[in-house]
Amino acid sequence: MSLSKITTLKTLSASIGSVAAAVMVARSIAGDVVPPELKAYIYSGISNFVNKLSRQLTMVIDEYDGYEVNEIYTASEMYLAAQVSPEIDRLKVTKNPSENRFNLAMEMNQRFTDVYNGVKFHWRSVCKTKTKPKQSAGDERWFELTFHRKHRDLALNEYLPFVLNEAKVRKQNEKTLKLFTVNTKSRNMWTSVNLDHPAKFETLAMDTELKEMMMKDLDMFVERREYYRNVGKAWKRGYLLYGPPGTGKSSLIAAIANYLNFDIYDLELTAIMTNSELRQLLVSTMNRSILVVEDIDCSTTLHDRASAVPAVVTNQHHDNPSQVTLSGFLNFIDGLWSSCGDEKIIIFTTNRKEKLDPALLRPGRMDVGKGLRLQGRKEREKKKNFGLSQYCTPCGFQLLASNYLGVTDHACFKQIEDLIGKVEITPAEVAEQLLKDSDPDVVLTGLVEFFYLKMKEDELKRSSKARSTPTHTIKPTHHIFISTTTTTTTTTTTNIIH
């Protein structure tokens, strides 16, 4: 290399070093002297200028749209999970204990290029941790979709609908049912676990005709989207299940979820502080889901508003009492907020329906199912009206014996079925006896003895009550609710909510 070239390289290196030093000094001075507002304005102007020269268009798909989960974000996440590419160097791997396959998903801050009709669409997943104390809990997540500007209409009219449809198909084919519980520390306020409950209508100890009626009722509900729109009614359906513990209320809820392939949201009212927090929780539930409020008479004081005592909810998660009100809760059930979301089922359970405020039970919130009447045992033998059984029936016992012991007939069946008509015993109590041995002879003989023991206990209770209660006249009453009662001697009616 000649001496002149070496001199030129030295001069060039010195010039570059001088320019770099000048830039560093200028940057330092600008950081100390130039106001932040002016710097932001300058950076914004430079960014706009660069964007005008660029032929690329970027769409930002946020995880949330206000309170609600952004459907496009959820669909994009599911769609990209199936698009494993060599471009992605980080993958998130999960596995459901009930499945044999692994689930792969694109990790945050990764890039992927998809090709649709010969056009390249560049995806980027972004996650940003919130640092400001006033911001809601949780991280911010979004997708950035970048493509040539001339393909804007193709992206909006064809590509994104394609992504939505592909995600919907994959979700239905691979869906794992989820059980959600309240988590106020998370932005979406729900935390989920996989729901692997084995309950099905085929295994429930219910009257066969009643199960068929329930399944038909559910099928009709999910098929009537346009009907609900035409009549101007929110596409939801509610059930009130009441009866003592062990009558199968929770198992019925799980059976409904498995039958419809709906997720379950378990709403614990005592974990919620305000009506606005409750509203945010309810609005963030997904479509095709079941909202469950178990033991609603115990979880909060949503009782009769005619009482002069103000309602205060005891909150187990906070020192201050909850300010959730009945009116705030009802506003979501059938008020303006009830239109947020489609194809939802709302289920209340209680052991004491008489404790509930009548406002919870009126038509429109607890819609009446016509002709669903629940009779006492003797009346049920004469009339073929149905109800959700509170106590074990002969049909329910036969199903339990088949499921637990594998027998459909036995010498003890006739005696047990006769005793069922005389003794109030829940399916859970029968199931507990059937678990005591694997020999049907031993188990069924023990079950007969258990019935006689229960009969003696009931006689003692009635005798004790007769001695302590003064004689008075009781007027018969008729109630219309969805119920798990089938054994009272007074006529009780059952409501199924539409």
Protein backbone atom coordinates (compact mmCIF):
# COMPACT_ATOMS: atom_id res chain seq x y z
CA MET A 1 0.00 0.00 0.00
CA SER A 2 1.40 3.42 -0.97
CA LEU A 3 2.26 6.13 1.50
CA SER A 4 -0.43 8.43 0.10
CA LYS A 5 -3.17 5.87 0.70
CA ILE A 6 -2.06 5.32 4.25
CA THR A 7 -2.13 9.08 4.84
CA THR A 8 -5.65 9.25 3.37
CA LEU A 9 -6.91 6.45 5.67
CA LYS A 10 -5.42 8.16 8.71
CA THR A 11 -7.08 11.44 7.73
CA LEU A 12 -10.44 9.67 7.20
CA SER A 13 -10.21 7.88 10.54
CA ALA A 14 -9.40 11.13 12.31
CA SER A 15 -12.35 12.84 10.62
CA ILE A 16 -14.73 10.06 11.62
CA GLY A 17 -13.46 10.22 15.18
CA SER A 18 -13.95 13.98 15.28
CA VAL A 19 -17.49 13.71 13.93
CA ALA A 20 -18.36 10.96 16.45
CA ALA A 21 -16.96 13.03 19.30
CA ALA A 22 -18.90 16.09 18.13
CA VAL A 23 -22.11 14.02 17.95
CA MET A 24 -21.58 12.70 21.48
CA VAL A 25 -20.95 16.24 22.80
CA ALA A 26 -23.99 17.58 20.96
CA ARG A 27 -26.15 14.73 22.29
CA SER A 28 -24.93 15.38 25.83
CA ILE A 29 -25.64 19.10 25.54
CA ALA A 30 -29.05 18.44 23.99
CA GLY A 31 -29.91 16.07 26.83
CA ASP A 32 -29.08 18.76 29.39
CA VAL A 33 -30.34 21.87 27.61
CA VAL A 34 -33.16 20.93 25.23
CA PRO A 35 -36.53 20.56 27.01
CA PRO A 36 -38.15 17.08 26.85
CA GLU A 37 -41.17 18.52 25.01
CA LEU A 38 -38.94 19.91 22.24
CA LYS A 39 -37.04 16.62 21.96
CA ALA A 40 -40.30 14.70 21.65
CA TYR A 41 -41.48 17.12 18.95
CA ILE A 42 -38.23 16.72 16.99
CA TYR A 43 -38.29 12.93 17.26
CA SER A 44 -41.94 12.88 16.17
CA GLY A 45 -41.15 15.01 13.13
CA ILE A 46 -38.26 12.76 12.12
CA SER A 47 -40.43 9.66 12.59
CA ASN A 48 -43.24 11.10 10.46
CA PHE A 49 -40.78 12.04 7.74
CA VAL A 50 -39.31 8.51 7.67
CA ASN A 51 -42.81 6.97 7.63
CA LYS A 52 -43.78 9.04 4.59
CA LEU A 53 -40.79 7.71 2.71
CA SER A 54 -41.56 4.12 3.75
CA ARG A 55 -43.88 1.96 1.66
CA GLN A 56 -44.70 -0.30 4.61
CA LEU A 57 -47.87 -0.11 6.70
CA THR A 58 -48.04 -1.45 10.28
CA MET A 59 -51.24 -2.41 12.06
CA VAL A 60 -51.14 -2.62 15.85
CA ILE A 61 -53.40 -5.29 17.40
CA ASP A 62 -53.74 -4.65 21.14
CA GLU A 63 -54.68 -7.41 23.57
CA TYR A 64 -57.51 -5.30 25.02
CA ASP A 65 -60.05 -2.91 23.59
CA GLY A 66 -61.05 -1.00 26.70
CA TYR A 67 -62.38 -3.57 29.18
CA GLU A 68 -62.95 -6.28 26.60
CA VAL A 69 -60.44 -8.72 25.16
CA ASN A 70 -59.65 -7.88 21.53
CA GLU A 71 -61.02 -10.74 19.42
CA ILE A 72 -58.44 -10.13 16.67
CA TYR A 73 -55.59 -10.44 19.19
CA THR A 74 -56.93 -13.72 20.57
CA ALA A 75 -57.43 -15.11 17.07
CA SER A 76 -53.97 -13.96 15.96
CA GLU A 77 -52.37 -15.62 18.97
CA MET A 78 -54.11 -18.92 18.20
CA TYR A 79 -53.37 -18.69 14.47
CA LEU A 80 -49.67 -17.95 14.98
CA ALA A 81 -49.40 -20.83 17.48
CA ALA A 82 -49.92 -23.21 14.55
CA GLN A 83 -47.43 -21.43 12.27
CA VAL A 84 -44.12 -22.82 13.55
CA SER A 85 -41.34 -21.42 11.35
CA PRO A 86 -37.51 -21.63 11.27
CA GLU A 87 -37.56 -17.83 11.66
CA ILE A 88 -38.75 -18.19 15.25
CA ASP A 89 -35.90 -18.93 17.64
CA ARG A 90 -38.00 -18.98 20.84
CA LEU A 91 -41.12 -21.10 21.33
CA LYS A 92 -43.43 -21.42 24.32
CA VAL A 93 -44.26 -25.07 25.07
CA THR A 94 -47.22 -26.19 27.22
CA LYS A 95 -49.01 -29.48 27.81
CA ASN A 96 -52.39 -30.35 29.23
CA PRO A 97 -52.21 -33.35 31.63
CA SER A 98 -55.26 -34.84 29.94
CA GLU A 99 -53.69 -34.66 26.45
CA ASN A 100 -50.78 -36.45 24.80
CA ARG A 101 -49.67 -33.62 22.49
CA PHE A 102 -47.52 -30.58 23.16
CA ASN A 103 -48.85 -27.09 22.48
CA LEU A 104 -46.45 -24.66 20.80
CA ALA A 105 -46.82 -20.89 20.68
CA MET A 106 -44.70 -17.96 19.55
CA GLU A 107 -42.96 -16.36 22.51
CA MET A 108 -43.13 -12.61 23.13
CA ASN A 109 -40.84 -10.28 21.12
CA GLN A 110 -40.49 -12.77 18.24
CA ARG A 111 -41.01 -12.23 14.49
CA PHE A 112 -42.72 -14.36 11.86
CA THR A 113 -43.41 -13.87 8.14
CA ASP A 114 -46.61 -15.33 6.73
CA VAL A 115 -47.46 -15.58 3.02
CA TYR A 116 -51.09 -15.24 1.89
CA ASN A 117 -51.98 -15.22 -1.83
CA GLY A 118 -48.37 -14.44 -2.65
CA VAL A 119 -48.24 -11.43 -0.31
CA LYS A 120 -45.87 -11.31 2.65
CA PHE A 121 -47.28 -10.33 6.05
CA HIS A 122 -44.74 -9.72 8.81
CA TRP A 123 -45.85 -10.45 12.39
CA ARG A 124 -44.13 -9.28 15.55
CA SER A 125 -45.24 -10.06 19.10
CA VAL A 126 -44.52 -7.34 21.66
CA CYS A 127 -44.70 -7.35 25.46
CA LYS A 128 -44.07 -4.31 27.63
CA THR A 129 -43.99 -4.31 31.43
CA LYS A 130 -45.89 -1.43 33.00
CA THR A 131 -43.85 0.78 35.31
CA LYS A 132 -46.22 3.62 36.21
CA PRO A 133 -48.03 3.08 39.55
CA LYS A 134 -51.33 4.43 38.20
CA GLN A 135 -51.46 1.87 35.41
CA SER A 136 -53.51 -1.29 35.87
CA ALA A 137 -51.72 -4.48 36.85
CA GLY A 138 -50.18 -6.81 34.28
CA ASP A 139 -48.10 -6.43 31.12
CA GLU A 140 -49.13 -4.76 27.89
CA ARG A 141 -49.17 -7.13 24.92
CA TRP A 142 -49.84 -6.51 21.27
CA PHE A 143 -49.07 -7.76 17.77
CA GLU A 144 -47.63 -5.64 14.98
CA LEU A 145 -48.67 -6.68 11.46
CA THR A 146 -46.55 -5.06 8.72
CA PHE A 147 -47.07 -5.26 4.95
CA HIS A 148 -46.88 -3.14 1.79
CA ARG A 149 -49.29 -0.24 1.71
CA LYS A 150 -50.88 -1.34 -1.54
CA HIS A 151 -52.16 -4.52 0.17
CA ARG A 152 -54.18 -2.66 2.81
CA ASP A 153 -57.56 -3.75 1.41
CA LEU A 154 -56.35 -7.32 1.03
CA ALA A 155 -55.30 -7.36 4.69
CA LEU A 156 -58.60 -5.97 5.97
CA ASN A 157 -61.03 -7.77 3.66
CA GLU A 158 -59.34 -11.14 3.20
CA TYR A 159 -56.30 -11.85 5.35
CA LEU A 160 -57.60 -10.86 8.80
CA PRO A 161 -60.99 -12.61 8.21
CA PHE A 162 -58.97 -15.67 7.16
CA VAL A 163 -57.00 -15.52 10.42
CA LEU A 164 -60.22 -15.19 12.45
CA ASN A 165 -61.82 -18.17 10.73
CA GLU A 166 -58.72 -20.38 11.05
CA ALA A 167 -58.47 -19.56 14.75
CA LYS A 168 -62.15 -20.34 15.28
CA VAL A 169 -61.84 -23.75 13.62
CA ARG A 170 -58.70 -24.60 15.58
CA LYS A 171 -60.26 -23.49 18.85
CA GLN A 172 -63.28 -25.75 18.37
CA ASN A 173 -61.10 -28.72 17.37
CA GLU A 174 -58.51 -28.36 20.12
CA LYS A 175 -60.35 -26.51 22.85
CA THR A 176 -59.55 -27.47 26.42
CA LEU A 177 -62.25 -26.38 28.82
CA LYS A 178 -61.13 -23.79 31.33
CA LEU A 179 -62.29 -22.97 34.85
CA PHE A 180 -61.73 -19.29 35.60
CA THR A 181 -61.53 -17.75 39.05
CA VAL A 182 -61.27 -14.11 40.15
CA ASN A 183 -57.79 -12.58 40.29
CA THR A 184 -58.02 -8.81 40.78
CA LYS A 185 -54.23 -8.43 40.51
CA SER A 186 -54.29 -9.41 36.84
CA ARG A 187 -55.38 -6.96 34.17
CA ASN A 188 -58.11 -9.22 32.82
CA MET A 189 -58.97 -10.07 36.47
CA TRP A 190 -59.36 -13.80 35.76
CA THR A 191 -57.00 -16.74 36.26
CA SER A 192 -57.75 -20.09 34.65
CA VAL A 193 -56.95 -23.76 35.12
CA ASN A 194 -57.90 -26.66 32.87
CA LEU A 195 -61.33 -28.10 33.64
CA ASP A 196 -61.16 -31.88 33.54
CA HIS A 197 -64.40 -32.71 35.33
CA PRO A 198 -65.79 -36.10 34.21
CA ALA A 199 -69.48 -35.27 34.77
CA LYS A 200 -71.75 -35.90 31.78
CA PHE A 201 -75.50 -36.05 31.38
CA GLU A 202 -75.16 -39.78 30.76
CA THR A 203 -73.67 -40.29 34.25
CA LEU A 204 -75.88 -37.89 36.25
CA ALA A 205 -78.37 -39.48 38.64
CA MET A 206 -81.33 -37.64 37.11
CA ASP A 207 -84.59 -38.74 35.55
CA THR A 208 -84.00 -39.73 31.92
CA GLU A 209 -86.85 -37.58 30.65
CA LEU A 210 -85.54 -34.59 32.58
CA LYS A 211 -82.03 -35.00 31.14
CA GLU A 212 -83.43 -35.18 27.63
CA MET A 213 -85.49 -32.07 28.30
CA MET A 214 -82.42 -30.21 29.63
CA MET A 215 -80.26 -31.17 26.65
CA LYS A 216 -82.99 -30.18 24.21
CA ASP A 217 -83.38 -26.87 26.01
CA LEU A 218 -79.61 -26.19 25.76
CA ASP A 219 -79.49 -27.20 22.10
CA MET A 220 -82.32 -24.84 21.28
CA PHE A 221 -80.56 -21.99 23.07
CA VAL A 222 -77.27 -22.27 21.15
CA GLU A 223 -79.11 -22.48 17.82
CA ARG A 224 -81.24 -19.34 18.29
CA ARG A 225 -78.78 -16.49 17.76
CA GLU A 226 -80.93 -14.78 15.13
CA TYR A 227 -84.09 -15.36 17.14
CA TYR A 228 -82.70 -13.48 20.14
CA ARG A 229 -81.60 -10.63 17.86
CA ASN A 230 -85.00 -10.43 16.19
CA VAL A 231 -86.89 -10.19 19.48
CA GLY A 232 -84.41 -7.64 20.87
CA LYS A 233 -83.16 -9.82 23.73
CA ALA A 234 -79.59 -10.47 24.89
CA TRP A 235 -78.42 -13.93 23.87
CA LYS A 236 -78.14 -15.42 27.34
CA ARG A 237 -79.93 -17.93 29.50
CA GLY A 238 -80.07 -18.33 33.24
CA TYR A 239 -80.70 -21.16 35.68
CA LEU A 240 -81.38 -21.07 39.41
CA LEU A 241 -80.46 -24.38 41.06
CA TYR A 242 -81.44 -24.84 44.68
CA GLY A 243 -81.38 -27.72 47.11
CA PRO A 244 -79.36 -29.06 50.08
CA PRO A 245 -75.72 -30.10 49.71
CA GLY A 246 -75.10 -33.36 47.88
CA THR A 247 -77.95 -33.04 45.39
CA GLY A 248 -75.68 -32.66 42.35
CA LYS A 249 -75.81 -28.93 41.58
CA SER A 250 -72.08 -28.65 40.86
CA SER A 251 -72.05 -31.88 38.87
CA LEU A 252 -74.91 -30.60 36.73
CA ILE A 253 -72.97 -27.40 35.98
CA ALA A 254 -69.92 -29.43 34.92
CA ALA A 255 -72.14 -31.66 32.75
CA ILE A 256 -73.58 -28.60 31.01
CA ALA A 257 -70.05 -27.26 30.36
CA ASN A 258 -68.92 -30.59 28.90
CA TYR A 259 -72.07 -30.91 26.80
CA LEU A 260 -71.80 -27.43 25.25
CA ASN A 261 -67.98 -27.20 25.36
CA PHE A 262 -68.32 -23.92 27.31
CA ASP A 263 -65.73 -22.51 29.73
CA ILE A 264 -66.82 -21.82 33.32
CA TYR A 265 -66.28 -18.52 35.16
CA ASP A 266 -66.61 -19.01 38.92
CA LEU A 267 -67.60 -15.59 40.27
CA GLU A 268 -66.73 -15.14 43.97
CA LEU A 269 -68.58 -11.96 44.94
CA THR A 270 -66.73 -11.55 48.25
CA ALA A 271 -63.47 -10.98 46.32
CA ILE A 272 -64.87 -7.88 44.58
CA MET A 273 -64.75 -4.41 46.07
CA THR A 274 -66.94 -2.16 43.87
CA ASN A 275 -69.63 -2.25 41.21
CA SER A 276 -67.17 -0.96 38.63
CA GLU A 277 -64.79 -3.82 39.45
CA LEU A 278 -67.68 -6.27 39.13
CA ARG A 279 -68.63 -4.75 35.77
CA GLN A 280 -65.08 -5.07 34.48
CA LEU A 281 -64.99 -8.71 35.56
CA LEU A 282 -68.27 -9.60 33.88
CA VAL A 283 -67.53 -7.76 30.64
CA SER A 284 -64.17 -9.54 30.30
CA THR A 285 -65.79 -12.99 30.22
CA MET A 286 -65.61 -14.67 26.82
CA ASN A 287 -68.55 -15.67 24.65
CA ARG A 288 -69.73 -19.29 24.79
CA SER A 289 -69.17 -19.48 28.52
CA ILE A 290 -71.00 -20.18 31.78
CA LEU A 291 -70.98 -17.65 34.62
CA VAL A 292 -71.52 -19.43 37.94
CA VAL A 293 -72.35 -17.82 41.29
CA GLU A 294 -72.43 -20.66 43.80
CA ASP A 295 -74.23 -20.29 47.13
CA ILE A 296 -75.37 -16.82 46.20
CA ASP A 297 -77.31 -16.56 49.46
CA CYS A 298 -74.04 -16.95 51.43
CA SER A 299 -71.41 -15.25 49.27
CA THR A 300 -72.91 -11.79 49.66
CA THR A 301 -75.93 -10.05 51.12
CA LEU A 302 -77.93 -9.82 47.90
CA HIS A 303 -81.11 -10.28 49.89
CA ASP A 304 -84.46 -8.55 50.01
CA ARG A 305 -84.00 -4.82 49.34
CA ALA A 306 -87.10 -4.05 51.40
CA SER A 307 -85.05 -4.66 54.53
CA ALA A 308 -84.22 -1.55 56.50
CA VAL A 309 -80.72 -2.80 57.25
CA PRO A 310 -78.22 -1.65 54.62
CA ALA A 311 -76.44 -4.41 52.72
CA VAL A 312 -72.72 -4.69 53.39
CA VAL A 313 -70.64 -7.48 51.87
CA THR A 314 -67.97 -9.02 54.07
CA ASN A 315 -64.84 -9.24 51.95
CA GLN A 316 -62.26 -11.87 52.77
CA HIS A 317 -59.51 -10.29 50.63
CA HIS A 318 -59.64 -6.69 51.87
CA ASP A 319 -59.92 -4.91 55.19
CA ASN A 320 -62.63 -2.58 53.91
CA PRO A 321 -66.15 -3.93 53.29
CA SER A 322 -67.18 -4.47 49.68
CA GLN A 323 -69.54 -1.95 48.14
CA VAL A 324 -71.07 -4.34 45.57
CA THR A 325 -74.83 -3.73 45.40
CA LEU A 326 -77.73 -5.79 44.16
CA SER A 327 -78.67 -3.15 41.58
CA GLY A 328 -75.13 -3.20 40.21
CA PHE A 329 -75.25 -6.97 39.87
CA LEU A 330 -78.70 -6.96 38.26
CA ASN A 331 -77.64 -4.32 35.75
CA PHE A 332 -75.39 -6.91 34.14
CA ILE A 333 -78.01 -9.66 34.30
CA ASP A 334 -80.67 -7.82 32.31
CA GLY A 335 -79.69 -4.13 32.20
CA LEU A 336 -77.75 -2.22 29.56
CA TRP A 337 -74.58 -4.22 30.26
CA SER A 338 -76.34 -7.52 29.58
CA SER A 339 -75.84 -6.94 25.84
CA CYS A 340 -72.05 -7.18 26.24
CA GLY A 341 -71.21 -10.61 24.88
CA ASP A 342 -73.21 -13.41 23.29
CA GLU A 343 -74.12 -17.03 23.96
CA LYS A 344 -73.65 -16.90 27.71
CA ILE A 345 -75.31 -18.99 30.41
CA ILE A 346 -75.73 -17.65 33.95
CA ILE A 347 -76.23 -20.13 36.79
CA PHE A 348 -76.99 -19.33 40.42
CA THR A 349 -76.94 -22.01 43.10
CA THR A 350 -78.32 -21.73 46.61
CA ASN A 351 -79.33 -23.93 49.50
CA ARG A 352 -81.98 -21.42 50.66
CA LYS A 353 -83.85 -19.72 47.88
CA GLU A 354 -86.16 -18.01 50.38
CA LYS A 355 -83.18 -15.84 51.40
CA LEU A 356 -82.83 -14.33 47.92
CA ASP A 357 -84.19 -10.95 46.93
CA PRO A 358 -87.30 -11.37 44.73
CA ALA A 359 -85.66 -9.03 42.22
CA LEU A 360 -83.21 -11.83 41.38
CA LEU A 361 -86.03 -14.22 40.55
CA ARG A 362 -88.46 -12.21 38.49
CA PRO A 363 -89.09 -13.11 34.80
CA GLY A 364 -86.46 -11.58 32.55
CA ARG A 365 -83.73 -12.51 35.00
CA MET A 366 -84.95 -15.96 35.92
CA ASP A 367 -87.20 -16.72 32.91
CA VAL A 368 -89.86 -19.37 33.56
CA GLY A 369 -89.83 -22.66 31.70
CA LYS A 370 -93.46 -23.58 31.03
CA GLY A 371 -94.80 -26.90 32.23
CA LEU A 372 -91.74 -27.79 34.32
CA ARG A 373 -93.50 -28.66 37.54
CA LEU A 374 -91.87 -30.45 40.45
CA GLN A 375 -94.14 -32.73 42.44
CA GLY A 376 -93.87 -34.51 45.77
CA ARG A 377 -93.13 -38.25 45.56
CA LYS A 378 -96.72 -39.45 45.73
CA GLU A 379 -97.93 -36.85 43.23
CA ARG A 380 -95.00 -37.62 40.95
CA GLU A 381 -96.19 -41.23 40.62
CA LYS A 382 -99.54 -39.95 39.33
CA LYS A 383 -98.46 -37.07 37.10
CA LYS A 384 -95.67 -36.98 34.53
CA ASN A 385 -94.33 -33.51 35.22
CA PHE A 386 -90.62 -32.99 35.63
CA GLY A 387 -88.24 -31.29 38.01
CA LEU A 388 -84.54 -31.30 38.79
CA SER A 389 -84.41 -33.97 41.47
CA GLN A 390 -83.22 -32.93 44.89
CA TYR A 391 -83.22 -36.45 46.32
CA CYS A 392 -82.41 -39.77 44.73
CA THR A 393 -85.09 -41.35 42.53
CA PRO A 394 -85.42 -44.99 41.38
CA CYS A 395 -84.13 -43.99 37.94
CA GLY A 396 -81.20 -42.15 39.51
CA PHE A 397 -80.34 -45.12 41.73
CA GLN A 398 -80.30 -47.51 38.76
CA LEU A 399 -77.88 -45.23 36.93
CA LEU A 400 -75.62 -44.95 40.00
CA ALA A 401 -75.63 -48.74 40.45
CA SER A 402 -74.68 -49.18 36.78
CA ASN A 403 -71.89 -46.59 36.98
CA TYR A 404 -70.41 -47.66 40.33
CA LEU A 405 -71.05 -51.42 40.43
CA GLY A 406 -71.59 -52.34 36.79
CA VAL A 407 -74.95 -54.03 37.52
CA THR A 408 -78.33 -53.28 35.95
CA ASP A 409 -80.40 -55.73 37.97
CA HIS A 410 -80.18 -57.27 41.43
CA ALA A 411 -82.42 -58.94 43.98
CA CYS A 412 -82.13 -55.88 46.24
CA PHE A 413 -83.27 -53.39 43.56
CA LYS A 414 -87.00 -53.73 44.28
CA GLN A 415 -86.54 -53.24 48.03
CA ILE A 416 -84.23 -50.25 47.53
CA GLU A 417 -86.62 -48.58 45.06
CA ASP A 418 -89.47 -48.99 47.56
CA LEU A 419 -87.34 -47.42 50.29
CA ILE A 420 -86.45 -44.49 48.00
CA GLY A 421 -90.14 -43.60 48.02
CA LYS A 422 -90.12 -43.42 51.81
CA VAL A 423 -86.71 -41.97 52.74
CA GLU A 424 -85.17 -38.68 51.63
CA ILE A 425 -81.61 -39.47 50.56
CA THR A 426 -79.38 -37.53 48.18
CA PRO A 427 -77.48 -39.03 45.22
CA ALA A 428 -74.22 -38.13 46.99
CA GLU A 429 -75.21 -40.24 50.02
CA VAL A 430 -76.08 -43.19 47.79
CA ALA A 431 -72.80 -42.84 45.87
CA GLU A 432 -70.85 -42.84 49.15
CA GLN A 433 -72.43 -46.16 50.13
CA LEU A 434 -71.74 -47.67 46.69
CA LEU A 435 -68.03 -46.90 47.08
CA LYS A 436 -67.60 -48.98 50.23
CA ASP A 437 -66.98 -52.31 48.47
CA SER A 438 -66.58 -53.80 44.99
CA ASP A 439 -68.96 -56.71 45.70
CA PRO A 440 -72.52 -55.72 44.62
CA ASP A 441 -74.11 -58.10 47.18
CA VAL A 442 -72.19 -56.54 50.07
CA VAL A 443 -72.74 -52.97 48.90
CA LEU A 444 -76.47 -53.22 48.15
CA THR A 445 -77.18 -55.05 51.42
CA GLY A 446 -75.34 -52.29 53.25
CA LEU A 447 -77.34 -49.69 51.32
CA VAL A 448 -80.62 -51.27 52.49
CA GLU A 449 -79.38 -51.09 56.09
CA PHE A 450 -78.41 -47.46 55.52
CA PHE A 451 -81.95 -46.69 54.32
CA TYR A 452 -83.48 -48.17 57.47
CA LEU A 453 -81.05 -46.20 59.62
CA LYS A 454 -82.01 -43.00 57.80
CA MET A 455 -85.68 -43.85 58.25
CA LYS A 456 -85.25 -44.14 62.03
CA GLU A 457 -83.33 -40.84 62.13
CA ASP A 458 -86.10 -39.09 60.18
CA GLU A 459 -88.77 -40.48 62.54
CA LEU A 460 -86.83 -39.20 65.57
CA LYS A 461 -86.50 -35.75 63.97
CA ARG A 462 -90.21 -35.58 63.17
CA SER A 463 -91.13 -36.67 66.71
CA SER A 464 -88.80 -34.08 68.24
CA LYS A 465 -90.16 -31.35 65.94
CA ALA A 466 -93.78 -32.28 66.73
CA ARG A 467 -93.13 -31.90 70.46
CA SER A 468 -91.45 -28.51 70.09
CA THR A 469 -93.71 -26.92 67.42
CA PRO A 470 -97.23 -25.66 68.30
CA THR A 471 -100.09 -26.87 66.15
CA HIS A 472 -101.13 -24.39 63.42
CA THR A 473 -102.68 -24.45 59.99
CA ILE A 474 -100.37 -24.32 56.97
CA LYS A 475 -101.81 -22.98 53.75
CA PRO A 476 -100.51 -24.68 50.62
CA THR A 477 -98.37 -22.49 48.39
CA HIS A 478 -97.11 -22.82 44.86
CA HIS A 479 -93.71 -21.51 43.80
CA ILE A 480 -92.17 -21.23 40.36
CA PHE A 481 -88.40 -21.70 40.31
CA ILE A 482 -85.75 -23.92 38.82
CA SER A 483 -85.18 -26.37 41.62
CA THR A 484 -83.47 -29.54 42.62
CA THR A 485 -86.36 -30.47 44.95
CA THR A 486 -88.43 -33.57 44.26
CA THR A 487 -89.40 -34.81 47.69
CA THR A 488 -91.50 -32.25 49.47
CA THR A 489 -95.13 -33.15 50.01
CA THR A 490 -96.34 -29.71 48.92
CA THR A 491 -96.41 -28.94 45.24
CA THR A 492 -93.30 -27.11 44.07
CA THR A 493 -92.76 -25.85 40.54
CA THR A 494 -89.55 -25.76 38.60
CA ASN A 495 -88.34 -22.92 36.46
CA ILE A 496 -85.80 -23.11 33.68
CA ILE A 497 -84.47 -19.75 32.68
CA HIS A 498 -84.40 -18.62 29.08
